[in-house]
C-alpha cells in the first residue's frame, strides 16, 4: 500500500500531536530565536543549513530547507554550485542525492 501523502501543514500538526514540547522548541527556539539572531542573514543561515543537511545525509529535512533557501534568496544555480562543492567535502553520494531531491523540490515550486 503506498504511503499517504500529507500536506506540510498536516505533517506539522501530526508532529505537534505526537511531540508537542519538541515542536514548541522547534517553533520558539529554533525558528523563533536562532533563525532570527542578527549575526547572520537568513540567506547565510539557509546556505549553512542546506550544506549541513547534505553533508550529514539528512534527506528527510532537506526538502523543507531547500524551499526555505529559495525563499531566502538562494538561486537554483547557487544550490547547484553548493552541491558540486560539497561533493568533494561531504562525498559524492550525498551530493548526488541532494541534486535528486533538489530537482524534485524545485520542479514542484515552479
PDB file of N, CA and C in Angstrom:
ATOM      1  N   UNK A   1       0.849  -1.180   0.000  1.00  0.00           N
ATOM      2  CA  UNK A   1       0.000   0.000   0.000  1.00  0.00           C
ATOM      3  C   UNK A   1       0.897   1.247   0.000  1.00  0.00           C
ATOM      4  N   UNK A   2       0.677   2.201  -0.917  1.00  0.00           N
ATOM      5  CA  UNK A   2       1.506   3.412  -0.954  1.00  0.00           C
ATOM      6  C   UNK A   2       1.325   4.250   0.312  1.00  0.00           C
ATOM      7  N   UNK A   3       2.403   4.909   0.673  1.00  0.00           N
ATOM      8  CA  UNK A   3       2.369   5.774   1.846  1.00  0.00           C
ATOM      9  C   UNK A   3       1.501   7.002   1.557  1.00  0.00           C
ATOM     10  N   UNK A   4       0.666   7.362   2.535  1.00  0.00           N
ATOM     11  CA  UNK A   4      -0.231   8.514   2.403  1.00  0.00           C
ATOM     12  C   UNK A   4       0.587   9.797   2.273  1.00  0.00           C
ATOM     13  N   UNK A   5       0.257  10.624   1.283  1.00  0.00           N
ATOM     14  CA  UNK A   5       0.926  11.903   1.091  1.00  0.00           C
ATOM     15  C   UNK A   5       0.205  12.965   1.913  1.00  0.00           C
ATOM     16  N   UNK A   6       0.914  13.560   2.842  1.00  0.00           N
ATOM     17  CA  UNK A   6       0.346  14.606   3.685  1.00  0.00           C
ATOM     18  C   UNK A   6       0.834  15.960   3.225  1.00  0.00           C
ATOM     19  N   UNK A   7       0.010  16.977   3.426  1.00  0.00           N
ATOM     20  CA  UNK A   7       0.478  18.333   3.161  1.00  0.00           C
ATOM     21  C   UNK A   7       1.477  18.713   4.246  1.00  0.00           C
ATOM     22  N   UNK A   8       2.214  19.763   4.003  1.00  0.00           N
ATOM     23  CA  UNK A   8       3.177  20.249   5.000  1.00  0.00           C
ATOM     24  C   UNK A   8       2.467  20.562   6.315  1.00  0.00           C
ATOM     25  N   UNK A   9       1.306  21.203   6.239  1.00  0.00           N
ATOM     26  CA  UNK A   9       0.547  21.572   7.436  1.00  0.00           C
ATOM     27  C   UNK A   9       0.081  20.339   8.203  1.00  0.00           C
ATOM     28  N   UNK A  10      -0.371  19.311   7.465  1.00  0.00           N
ATOM     29  CA  UNK A  10      -0.809  18.073   8.108  1.00  0.00           C
ATOM     30  C   UNK A  10       0.353  17.370   8.808  1.00  0.00           C
ATOM     31  N   UNK A  11       1.504  17.381   8.159  1.00  0.00           N
ATOM     32  CA  UNK A  11       2.698  16.769   8.755  1.00  0.00           C
ATOM     33  C   UNK A  11       3.085  17.490  10.034  1.00  0.00           C
ATOM     34  N   UNK A  12       3.082  18.812  10.002  1.00  0.00           N
ATOM     35  CA  UNK A  12       3.422  19.603  11.187  1.00  0.00           C
ATOM     36  C   UNK A  12       2.430  19.331  12.305  1.00  0.00           C
ATOM     37  N   UNK A  13       1.146  19.264  11.982  1.00  0.00           N
ATOM     38  CA  UNK A  13       0.138  19.005  13.009  1.00  0.00           C
ATOM     39  C   UNK A  13       0.315  17.613  13.614  1.00  0.00           C
ATOM     40  N   UNK A  14       0.630  16.636  12.794  1.00  0.00           N
ATOM     41  CA  UNK A  14       0.874  15.286  13.325  1.00  0.00           C
ATOM     42  C   UNK A  14       2.066  15.307  14.273  1.00  0.00           C
ATOM     43  N   UNK A  15       3.097  16.052  13.921  1.00  0.00           N
ATOM     44  CA  UNK A  15       4.258  16.169  14.813  1.00  0.00           C
ATOM     45  C   UNK A  15       3.872  16.866  16.115  1.00  0.00           C
ATOM     46  N   UNK A  16       3.056  17.917  16.016  1.00  0.00           N
ATOM     47  CA  UNK A  16       2.596  18.634  17.222  1.00  0.00           C
ATOM     48  C   UNK A  16       1.807  17.706  18.143  1.00  0.00           C
ATOM     49  N   UNK A  17       0.948  16.890  17.544  1.00  0.00           N
ATOM     50  CA  UNK A  17       0.146  15.953  18.324  1.00  0.00           C
ATOM     51  C   UNK A  17       1.024  14.897  18.997  1.00  0.00           C
ATOM     52  N   UNK A  18       2.041  14.434  18.292  1.00  0.00           N
ATOM     53  CA  UNK A  18       2.896  13.361  18.798  1.00  0.00           C
ATOM     54  C   UNK A  18       3.946  13.864  19.788  1.00  0.00           C
ATOM     55  N   UNK A  19       4.582  14.988  19.485  1.00  0.00           N
ATOM     56  CA  UNK A  19       5.683  15.517  20.304  1.00  0.00           C
ATOM     57  C   UNK A  19       5.503  17.015  20.518  1.00  0.00           C
ATOM     58  N   UNK A  20       4.521  17.406  21.324  1.00  0.00           N
ATOM     59  CA  UNK A  20       4.200  18.835  21.466  1.00  0.00           C
ATOM     60  C   UNK A  20       5.360  19.685  21.984  1.00  0.00           C
ATOM     61  N   UNK A  21       6.101  19.218  22.961  1.00  0.00           N
ATOM     62  CA  UNK A  21       7.198  20.023  23.505  1.00  0.00           C
ATOM     63  C   UNK A  21       8.308  20.207  22.472  1.00  0.00           C
ATOM     64  N   UNK A  22       8.636  19.141  21.757  1.00  0.00           N
ATOM     65  CA  UNK A  22       9.656  19.233  20.720  1.00  0.00           C
ATOM     66  C   UNK A  22       9.255  20.261  19.667  1.00  0.00           C
ATOM     67  N   UNK A  23       7.998  20.242  19.260  1.00  0.00           N
ATOM     68  CA  UNK A  23       7.534  21.203  18.261  1.00  0.00           C
ATOM     69  C   UNK A  23       7.482  22.619  18.820  1.00  0.00           C
ATOM     70  N   UNK A  24       7.170  22.749  20.101  1.00  0.00           N
ATOM     71  CA  UNK A  24       7.212  24.067  20.736  1.00  0.00           C
ATOM     72  C   UNK A  24       8.639  24.621  20.699  1.00  0.00           C
ATOM     73  N   UNK A  25       9.615  23.787  21.030  1.00  0.00           N
ATOM     74  CA  UNK A  25      11.019  24.209  20.975  1.00  0.00           C
ATOM     75  C   UNK A  25      11.440  24.521  19.542  1.00  0.00           C
ATOM     76  N   UNK A  26      10.982  23.714  18.606  1.00  0.00           N
ATOM     77  CA  UNK A  26      11.257  23.945  17.192  1.00  0.00           C
ATOM     78  C   UNK A  26      10.778  25.335  16.773  1.00  0.00           C
ATOM     79  N   UNK A  27       9.539  25.657  17.143  1.00  0.00           N
ATOM     80  CA  UNK A  27       8.943  26.930  16.732  1.00  0.00           C
ATOM     81  C   UNK A  27       9.528  28.120  17.477  1.00  0.00           C
ATOM     82  N   UNK A  28       9.632  27.996  18.788  1.00  0.00           N
ATOM     83  CA  UNK A  28      10.022  29.145  19.603  1.00  0.00           C
ATOM     84  C   UNK A  28      11.534  29.349  19.687  1.00  0.00           C
ATOM     85  N   UNK A  29      12.283  28.270  19.821  1.00  0.00           N
ATOM     86  CA  UNK A  29      13.728  28.416  19.988  1.00  0.00           C
ATOM     87  C   UNK A  29      14.439  28.411  18.633  1.00  0.00           C
ATOM     88  N   UNK A  30      14.257  27.330  17.872  1.00  0.00           N
ATOM     89  CA  UNK A  30      14.982  27.228  16.607  1.00  0.00           C
ATOM     90  C   UNK A  30      14.560  28.307  15.614  1.00  0.00           C
ATOM     91  N   UNK A  31      13.258  28.324  15.265  1.00  0.00           N
ATOM     92  CA  UNK A  31      12.815  29.283  14.250  1.00  0.00           C
ATOM     93  C   UNK A  31      12.435  30.635  14.833  1.00  0.00           C
ATOM     94  N   UNK A  32      12.124  30.697  16.114  1.00  0.00           N
ATOM     95  CA  UNK A  32      11.757  31.961  16.731  1.00  0.00           C
ATOM     96  C   UNK A  32      12.934  32.745  17.285  1.00  0.00           C
ATOM     97  N   UNK A  33      13.996  32.051  17.672  1.00  0.00           N
ATOM     98  CA  UNK A  33      15.162  32.718  18.261  1.00  0.00           C
ATOM     99  C   UNK A  33      16.397  32.571  17.370  1.00  0.00           C
ATOM    100  N   UNK A  34      16.840  31.354  17.172  1.00  0.00           N
ATOM    101  CA  UNK A  34      18.097  31.119  16.458  1.00  0.00           C
ATOM    102  C   UNK A  34      18.067  31.699  15.041  1.00  0.00           C
ATOM    103  N   UNK A  35      17.004  31.409  14.291  1.00  0.00           N
ATOM    104  CA  UNK A  35      16.934  31.912  12.915  1.00  0.00           C
ATOM    105  C   UNK A  35      16.768  33.432  12.862  1.00  0.00           C
ATOM    106  N   UNK A  36      16.368  34.041  13.957  1.00  0.00           N
ATOM    107  CA  UNK A  36      16.134  35.492  13.967  1.00  0.00           C
ATOM    108  C   UNK A  36      17.307  36.284  14.537  1.00  0.00           C
ATOM    109  N   UNK A  37      18.350  35.612  14.977  1.00  0.00           N
ATOM    110  CA  UNK A  37      19.502  36.331  15.530  1.00  0.00           C
ATOM    111  C   UNK A  37      20.132  37.210  14.447  1.00  0.00           C
ATOM    112  N   UNK A  38      20.643  38.381  14.817  1.00  0.00           N
ATOM    113  CA  UNK A  38      21.153  39.322  13.813  1.00  0.00           C
ATOM    114  C   UNK A  38      22.552  38.998  13.276  1.00  0.00           C
ATOM    115  N   UNK A  39      23.257  38.048  13.842  1.00  0.00           N
ATOM    116  CA  UNK A  39      24.640  37.800  13.448  1.00  0.00           C
ATOM    117  C   UNK A  39      24.838  37.250  12.053  1.00  0.00           C
ATOM    118  N   UNK A  40      23.836  36.576  11.527  1.00  0.00           N
ATOM    119  CA  UNK A  40      23.878  36.047  10.161  1.00  0.00           C
ATOM    120  C   UNK A  40      22.549  36.347   9.484  1.00  0.00           C
ATOM    121  N   UNK A  41      22.603  36.554   8.188  1.00  0.00           N
ATOM    122  CA  UNK A  41      21.356  36.748   7.443  1.00  0.00           C
ATOM    123  C   UNK A  41      20.633  35.407   7.318  1.00  0.00           C
ATOM    124  N   UNK A  42      19.341  35.466   7.033  1.00  0.00           N
ATOM    125  CA  UNK A  42      18.589  34.231   6.805  1.00  0.00           C
ATOM    126  C   UNK A  42      19.136  33.499   5.589  1.00  0.00           C
ATOM    127  N   UNK A  43      19.598  34.249   4.606  1.00  0.00           N
ATOM    128  CA  UNK A  43      20.205  33.651   3.415  1.00  0.00           C
ATOM    129  C   UNK A  43      21.427  32.826   3.811  1.00  0.00           C
ATOM    130  N   UNK A  44      22.309  33.423   4.627  1.00  0.00           N
ATOM    131  CA  UNK A  44      23.501  32.706   5.084  1.00  0.00           C
ATOM    132  C   UNK A  44      23.124  31.490   5.921  1.00  0.00           C
ATOM    133  N   UNK A  45      22.143  31.655   6.781  1.00  0.00           N
ATOM    134  CA  UNK A  45      21.700  30.532   7.609  1.00  0.00           C
ATOM    135  C   UNK A  45      21.155  29.398   6.740  1.00  0.00           C
ATOM    136  N   UNK A  46      20.450  29.751   5.670  1.00  0.00           N
ATOM    137  CA  UNK A  46      19.950  28.719   4.763  1.00  0.00           C
ATOM    138  C   UNK A  46      21.089  27.984   4.069  1.00  0.00           C
ATOM    139  N   UNK A  47      22.099  28.711   3.609  1.00  0.00           N
ATOM    140  CA  UNK A  47      23.258  28.055   2.986  1.00  0.00           C
ATOM    141  C   UNK A  47      23.931  27.099   3.963  1.00  0.00           C
ATOM    142  N   UNK A  48      24.128  27.552   5.181  1.00  0.00           N
ATOM    143  CA  UNK A  48      24.755  26.715   6.205  1.00  0.00           C
ATOM    144  C   UNK A  48      23.901  25.488   6.487  1.00  0.00           C
ATOM    145  N   UNK A  49      22.605  25.690   6.616  1.00  0.00           N
ATOM    146  CA  UNK A  49      21.702  24.587   6.950  1.00  0.00           C
ATOM    147  C   UNK A  49      21.651  23.560   5.830  1.00  0.00           C
ATOM    148  N   UNK A  50      21.488  24.013   4.595  1.00  0.00           N
ATOM    149  CA  UNK A  50      21.440  23.077   3.471  1.00  0.00           C
ATOM    150  C   UNK A  50      22.760  22.322   3.360  1.00  0.00           C
ATOM    151  N   UNK A  51      23.871  23.013   3.486  1.00  0.00           N
ATOM    152  CA  UNK A  51      25.177  22.346   3.414  1.00  0.00           C
ATOM    153  C   UNK A  51      25.319  21.287   4.509  1.00  0.00           C
ATOM    154  N   UNK A  52      24.877  21.614   5.699  1.00  0.00           N
ATOM    155  CA  UNK A  52      24.964  20.666   6.808  1.00  0.00           C
ATOM    156  C   UNK A  52      24.073  19.457   6.568  1.00  0.00           C
ATOM    157  N   UNK A  53      22.857  19.693   6.111  1.00  0.00           N
ATOM    158  CA  UNK A  53      21.938  18.586   5.848  1.00  0.00           C
ATOM    159  C   UNK A  53      22.477  17.668   4.751  1.00  0.00           C
ATOM    160  N   UNK A  54      23.074  18.251   3.718  1.00  0.00           N
ATOM    161  CA  UNK A  54      23.668  17.439   2.651  1.00  0.00           C
ATOM    162  C   UNK A  54      24.844  16.639   3.207  1.00  0.00           C
ATOM    163  N   UNK A  55      25.729  17.312   3.936  1.00  0.00           N
ATOM    164  CA  UNK A  55      26.926  16.648   4.462  1.00  0.00           C
ATOM    165  C   UNK A  55      26.589  15.517   5.423  1.00  0.00           C
ATOM    166  N   UNK A  56      25.539  15.695   6.202  1.00  0.00           N
ATOM    167  CA  UNK A  56      25.138  14.678   7.182  1.00  0.00           C
ATOM    168  C   UNK A  56      24.110  13.694   6.621  1.00  0.00           C
ATOM    169  N   UNK A  57      23.768  13.859   5.345  1.00  0.00           N
ATOM    170  CA  UNK A  57      22.823  12.982   4.650  1.00  0.00           C
ATOM    171  C   UNK A  57      21.478  12.946   5.360  1.00  0.00           C
ATOM    172  N   UNK A  58      20.991  14.129   5.709  1.00  0.00           N
ATOM    173  CA  UNK A  58      19.696  14.257   6.385  1.00  0.00           C
ATOM    174  C   UNK A  58      18.628  14.565   5.339  1.00  0.00           C
ATOM    175  N   UNK A  59      18.297  13.553   4.555  1.00  0.00           N
ATOM    176  CA  UNK A  59      17.429  13.743   3.399  1.00  0.00           C
ATOM    177  C   UNK A  59      15.985  14.059   3.765  1.00  0.00           C
ATOM    178  N   UNK A  60      15.528  13.668   4.937  1.00  0.00           N
ATOM    179  CA  UNK A  60      14.139  13.973   5.321  1.00  0.00           C
ATOM    180  C   UNK A  60      13.917  15.457   5.521  1.00  0.00           C
ATOM    181  N   UNK A  61      14.893  16.161   6.044  1.00  0.00           N
ATOM    182  CA  UNK A  61      14.756  17.587   6.326  1.00  0.00           C
ATOM    183  C   UNK A  61      15.147  18.462   5.137  1.00  0.00           C
ATOM    184  N   UNK A  62      15.843  17.901   4.190  1.00  0.00           N
ATOM    185  CA  UNK A  62      16.366  18.689   3.070  1.00  0.00           C
ATOM    186  C   UNK A  62      15.281  19.373   2.235  1.00  0.00           C
ATOM    187  N   UNK A  63      14.181  18.710   1.855  1.00  0.00           N
ATOM    188  CA  UNK A  63      13.192  19.411   1.026  1.00  0.00           C
ATOM    189  C   UNK A  63      12.660  20.693   1.670  1.00  0.00           C
ATOM    190  N   UNK A  64      12.315  20.642   2.947  1.00  0.00           N
ATOM    191  CA  UNK A  64      11.818  21.841   3.633  1.00  0.00           C
ATOM    192  C   UNK A  64      12.842  22.969   3.552  1.00  0.00           C
ATOM    193  N   UNK A  65      14.108  22.638   3.800  1.00  0.00           N
ATOM    194  CA  UNK A  65      15.129  23.683   3.827  1.00  0.00           C
ATOM    195  C   UNK A  65      15.541  24.151   2.435  1.00  0.00           C
ATOM    196  N   UNK A  66      15.329  23.331   1.423  1.00  0.00           N
ATOM    197  CA  UNK A  66      15.549  23.809   0.054  1.00  0.00           C
ATOM    198  C   UNK A  66      14.502  24.859  -0.303  1.00  0.00           C
ATOM    199  N   UNK A  67      13.257  24.609   0.057  1.00  0.00           N
ATOM    200  CA  UNK A  67      12.206  25.610  -0.175  1.00  0.00           C
ATOM    201  C   UNK A  67      12.546  26.878   0.584  1.00  0.00           C
ATOM    202  N   UNK A  68      12.916  26.731   1.835  1.00  0.00           N
ATOM    203  CA  UNK A  68      13.261  27.901   2.665  1.00  0.00           C
ATOM    204  C   UNK A  68      14.453  28.659   2.074  1.00  0.00           C
ATOM    205  N   UNK A  69      15.430  27.926   1.557  1.00  0.00           N
ATOM    206  CA  UNK A  69      16.601  28.562   0.937  1.00  0.00           C
ATOM    207  C   UNK A  69      16.189  29.414  -0.253  1.00  0.00           C
ATOM    208  N   UNK A  70      15.304  28.871  -1.090  1.00  0.00           N
ATOM    209  CA  UNK A  70      14.825  29.659  -2.236  1.00  0.00           C
ATOM    210  C   UNK A  70      14.078  30.893  -1.752  1.00  0.00           C
ATOM    211  N   UNK A  71      13.247  30.735  -0.705  1.00  0.00           N
ATOM    212  CA  UNK A  71      12.523  31.873  -0.140  1.00  0.00           C
ATOM    213  C   UNK A  71      13.482  32.906   0.445  1.00  0.00           C
ATOM    214  N   UNK A  72      14.636  32.454   0.908  1.00  0.00           N
ATOM    215  CA  UNK A  72      15.626  33.353   1.495  1.00  0.00           C
ATOM    216  C   UNK A  72      16.622  33.884   0.466  1.00  0.00           C
ATOM    217  N   UNK A  73      16.325  33.702  -0.826  1.00  0.00           N
ATOM    218  CA  UNK A  73      17.105  34.356  -1.873  1.00  0.00           C
ATOM    219  C   UNK A  73      18.217  33.549  -2.502  1.00  0.00           C
ATOM    220  N   UNK A  74      18.303  32.267  -2.208  1.00  0.00           N
ATOM    221  CA  UNK A  74      19.338  31.436  -2.814  1.00  0.00           C
ATOM    222  C   UNK A  74      18.804  30.908  -4.141  1.00  0.00           C
ATOM    223  N   UNK A  75      19.566  31.126  -5.196  1.00  0.00           N
ATOM    224  CA  UNK A  75      19.126  30.729  -6.537  1.00  0.00           C
ATOM    225  C   UNK A  75      19.369  29.238  -6.773  1.00  0.00           C
ATOM    226  N   UNK A  76      18.718  28.724  -7.808  1.00  0.00           N
ATOM    227  CA  UNK A  76      18.951  27.335  -8.224  1.00  0.00           C
ATOM    228  C   UNK A  76      20.420  27.143  -8.561  1.00  0.00           C
ATOM    229  N   UNK A  77      21.005  28.092  -9.285  1.00  0.00           N
ATOM    230  CA  UNK A  77      22.414  27.980  -9.671  1.00  0.00           C
ATOM    231  C   UNK A  77      23.330  27.948  -8.450  1.00  0.00           C
ATOM    232  N   UNK A  78      22.987  28.716  -7.426  1.00  0.00           N
ATOM    233  CA  UNK A  78      23.797  28.693  -6.197  1.00  0.00           C
ATOM    234  C   UNK A  78      23.663  27.352  -5.482  1.00  0.00           C
ATOM    235  N   UNK A  79      22.471  26.774  -5.490  1.00  0.00           N
ATOM    236  CA  UNK A  79      22.299  25.447  -4.892  1.00  0.00           C
ATOM    237  C   UNK A  79      23.117  24.412  -5.649  1.00  0.00           C
ATOM    238  N   UNK A  80      23.086  24.467  -6.969  1.00  0.00           N
ATOM    239  CA  UNK A  80      23.870  23.537  -7.783  1.00  0.00           C
ATOM    240  C   UNK A  80      25.357  23.688  -7.463  1.00  0.00           C
ATOM    241  N   UNK A  81      25.824  24.910  -7.348  1.00  0.00           N
ATOM    242  CA  UNK A  81      27.231  25.146  -7.009  1.00  0.00           C
ATOM    243  C   UNK A  81      27.555  24.608  -5.620  1.00  0.00           C
ATOM    244  N   UNK A  82      26.632  24.789  -4.678  1.00  0.00           N
ATOM    245  CA  UNK A  82      26.811  24.257  -3.329  1.00  0.00           C
ATOM    246  C   UNK A  82      26.951  22.735  -3.374  1.00  0.00           C
ATOM    247  N   UNK A  83      26.080  22.052  -4.122  1.00  0.00           N
ATOM    248  CA  UNK A  83      26.139  20.595  -4.210  1.00  0.00           C
ATOM    249  C   UNK A  83      27.437  20.135  -4.869  1.00  0.00           C
ATOM    250  N   UNK A  84      27.855  20.846  -5.897  1.00  0.00           N
ATOM    251  CA  UNK A  84      29.098  20.500  -6.583  1.00  0.00           C
ATOM    252  C   UNK A  84      30.286  20.634  -5.636  1.00  0.00           C
ATOM    253  N   UNK A  85      30.335  21.713  -4.903  1.00  0.00           N
ATOM    254  CA  UNK A  85      31.407  21.944  -3.937  1.00  0.00           C
ATOM    255  C   UNK A  85      31.393  20.862  -2.856  1.00  0.00           C
ATOM    256  N   UNK A  86      30.196  20.552  -2.346  1.00  0.00           N
ATOM    257  CA  UNK A  86      30.077  19.567  -1.273  1.00  0.00           C
ATOM    258  C   UNK A  86      30.441  18.152  -1.715  1.00  0.00           C
ATOM    259  N   UNK A  87      30.322  17.859  -2.997  1.00  0.00           N
ATOM    260  CA  UNK A  87      30.675  16.520  -3.478  1.00  0.00           C
ATOM    261  C   UNK A  87      32.098  16.153  -3.063  1.00  0.00           C
ATOM    262  N   UNK A  88      32.972  17.138  -3.009  1.00  0.00           N
ATOM    263  CA  UNK A  88      34.375  16.872  -2.685  1.00  0.00           C
ATOM    264  C   UNK A  88      34.672  16.923  -1.194  1.00  0.00           C
ATOM    265  N   UNK A  89      33.777  17.482  -0.409  1.00  0.00           N
ATOM    266  CA  UNK A  89      33.977  17.574   1.031  1.00  0.00           C
ATOM    267  C   UNK A  89      33.054  16.644   1.816  1.00  0.00           C
ATOM    268  N   UNK A  90      31.850  16.427   1.299  1.00  0.00           N
ATOM    269  CA  UNK A  90      30.865  15.614   2.020  1.00  0.00           C
ATOM    270  C   UNK A  90      30.645  14.257   1.362  1.00  0.00           C
ATOM    271  N   UNK A  91      31.152  14.094   0.162  1.00  0.00           N
ATOM    272  CA  UNK A  91      31.014  12.825  -0.535  1.00  0.00           C
ATOM    273  C   UNK A  91      30.078  12.900  -1.722  1.00  0.00           C
ATOM    274  N   UNK A  92      30.464  12.159  -2.741  1.00  0.00           N
ATOM    275  CA  UNK A  92      29.711  12.147  -3.990  1.00  0.00           C
ATOM    276  C   UNK A  92      28.276  11.671  -3.792  1.00  0.00           C
ATOM    277  N   UNK A  93      28.040  10.564  -3.071  1.00  0.00           N
ATOM    278  CA  UNK A  93      26.663  10.096  -2.895  1.00  0.00           C
ATOM    279  C   UNK A  93      25.766  11.131  -2.205  1.00  0.00           C
ATOM    280  N   UNK A  94      26.284  11.810  -1.218  1.00  0.00           N
ATOM    281  CA  UNK A  94      25.486  12.837  -0.531  1.00  0.00           C
ATOM    282  C   UNK A  94      25.110  13.964  -1.481  1.00  0.00           C
ATOM    283  N   UNK A  95      26.060  14.402  -2.287  1.00  0.00           N
ATOM    284  CA  UNK A  95      25.793  15.492  -3.234  1.00  0.00           C
ATOM    285  C   UNK A  95      24.814  15.055  -4.318  1.00  0.00           C
ATOM    286  N   UNK A  96      24.985  13.852  -4.841  1.00  0.00           N
ATOM    287  CA  UNK A  96      24.090  13.373  -5.897  1.00  0.00           C
ATOM    288  C   UNK A  96      22.673  13.173  -5.368  1.00  0.00           C
ATOM    289  N   UNK A  97      22.545  12.694  -4.146  1.00  0.00           N
ATOM    290  CA  UNK A  97      21.219  12.551  -3.540  1.00  0.00           C
ATOM    291  C   UNK A  97      20.579  13.920  -3.371  1.00  0.00           C
ATOM    292  N   UNK A  98      21.354  14.904  -2.930  1.00  0.00           N
ATOM    293  CA  UNK A  98      20.837  16.264  -2.768  1.00  0.00           C
ATOM    294  C   UNK A  98      20.373  16.831  -4.108  1.00  0.00           C
ATOM    295  N   UNK A  99      21.114  16.569  -5.170  1.00  0.00           N
ATOM    296  CA  UNK A  99      20.712  17.029  -6.508  1.00  0.00           C
ATOM    297  C   UNK A  99      19.370  16.412  -6.890  1.00  0.00           C
ATOM    298  N   UNK A 100      19.209  15.116  -6.664  1.00  0.00           N
ATOM    299  CA  UNK A 100      17.943  14.458  -6.996  1.00  0.00           C
ATOM    300  C   UNK A 100      16.778  15.058  -6.209  1.00  0.00           C
ATOM    301  N   UNK A 101      16.987  15.287  -4.923  1.00  0.00           N
ATOM    302  CA  UNK A 101      15.943  15.884  -4.090  1.00  0.00           C
ATOM    303  C   UNK A 101      15.644  17.303  -4.553  1.00  0.00           C
ATOM    304  N   UNK A 102      16.687  18.074  -4.831  1.00  0.00           N
ATOM    305  CA  UNK A 102      16.503  19.463  -5.269  1.00  0.00           C
ATOM    306  C   UNK A 102      15.752  19.530  -6.601  1.00  0.00           C
ATOM    307  N   UNK A 103      16.038  18.626  -7.517  1.00  0.00           N
ATOM    308  CA  UNK A 103      15.325  18.630  -8.802  1.00  0.00           C
ATOM    309  C   UNK A 103      13.836  18.451  -8.578  1.00  0.00           C
ATOM    310  N   UNK A 104      13.457  17.551  -7.687  1.00  0.00           N
ATOM    311  CA  UNK A 104      12.039  17.328  -7.381  1.00  0.00           C
ATOM    312  C   UNK A 104      11.417  18.528  -6.689  1.00  0.00           C
ATOM    313  N   UNK A 105      12.110  19.039  -5.679  1.00  0.00           N
ATOM    314  CA  UNK A 105      11.562  20.166  -4.898  1.00  0.00           C
ATOM    315  C   UNK A 105      11.408  21.400  -5.783  1.00  0.00           C
ATOM    316  N   UNK A 106      12.431  21.721  -6.566  1.00  0.00           N
ATOM    317  CA  UNK A 106      12.363  22.929  -7.390  1.00  0.00           C
ATOM    318  C   UNK A 106      11.314  22.782  -8.493  1.00  0.00           C
ATOM    319  N   UNK A 107      11.146  21.575  -9.021  1.00  0.00           N
ATOM    320  CA  UNK A 107      10.097  21.353 -10.024  1.00  0.00           C
ATOM    321  C   UNK A 107       8.715  21.588  -9.421  1.00  0.00           C
ATOM    322  N   UNK A 108       8.522  21.147  -8.193  1.00  0.00           N
ATOM    323  CA  UNK A 108       7.236  21.353  -7.513  1.00  0.00           C
ATOM    324  C   UNK A 108       6.989  22.830  -7.238  1.00  0.00           C
ATOM    325  N   UNK A 109       8.052  23.597  -7.045  1.00  0.00           N
ATOM    326  CA  UNK A 109       7.905  25.029  -6.727  1.00  0.00           C
ATOM    327  C   UNK A 109       7.530  25.834  -7.970  1.00  0.00           C
ATOM    328  N   UNK A 110       7.828  25.320  -9.148  1.00  0.00           N
ATOM    329  CA  UNK A 110       7.552  26.074 -10.386  1.00  0.00           C
ATOM    330  C   UNK A 110       6.092  26.058 -10.746  1.00  0.00           C
TER     331      UNK A 110
END
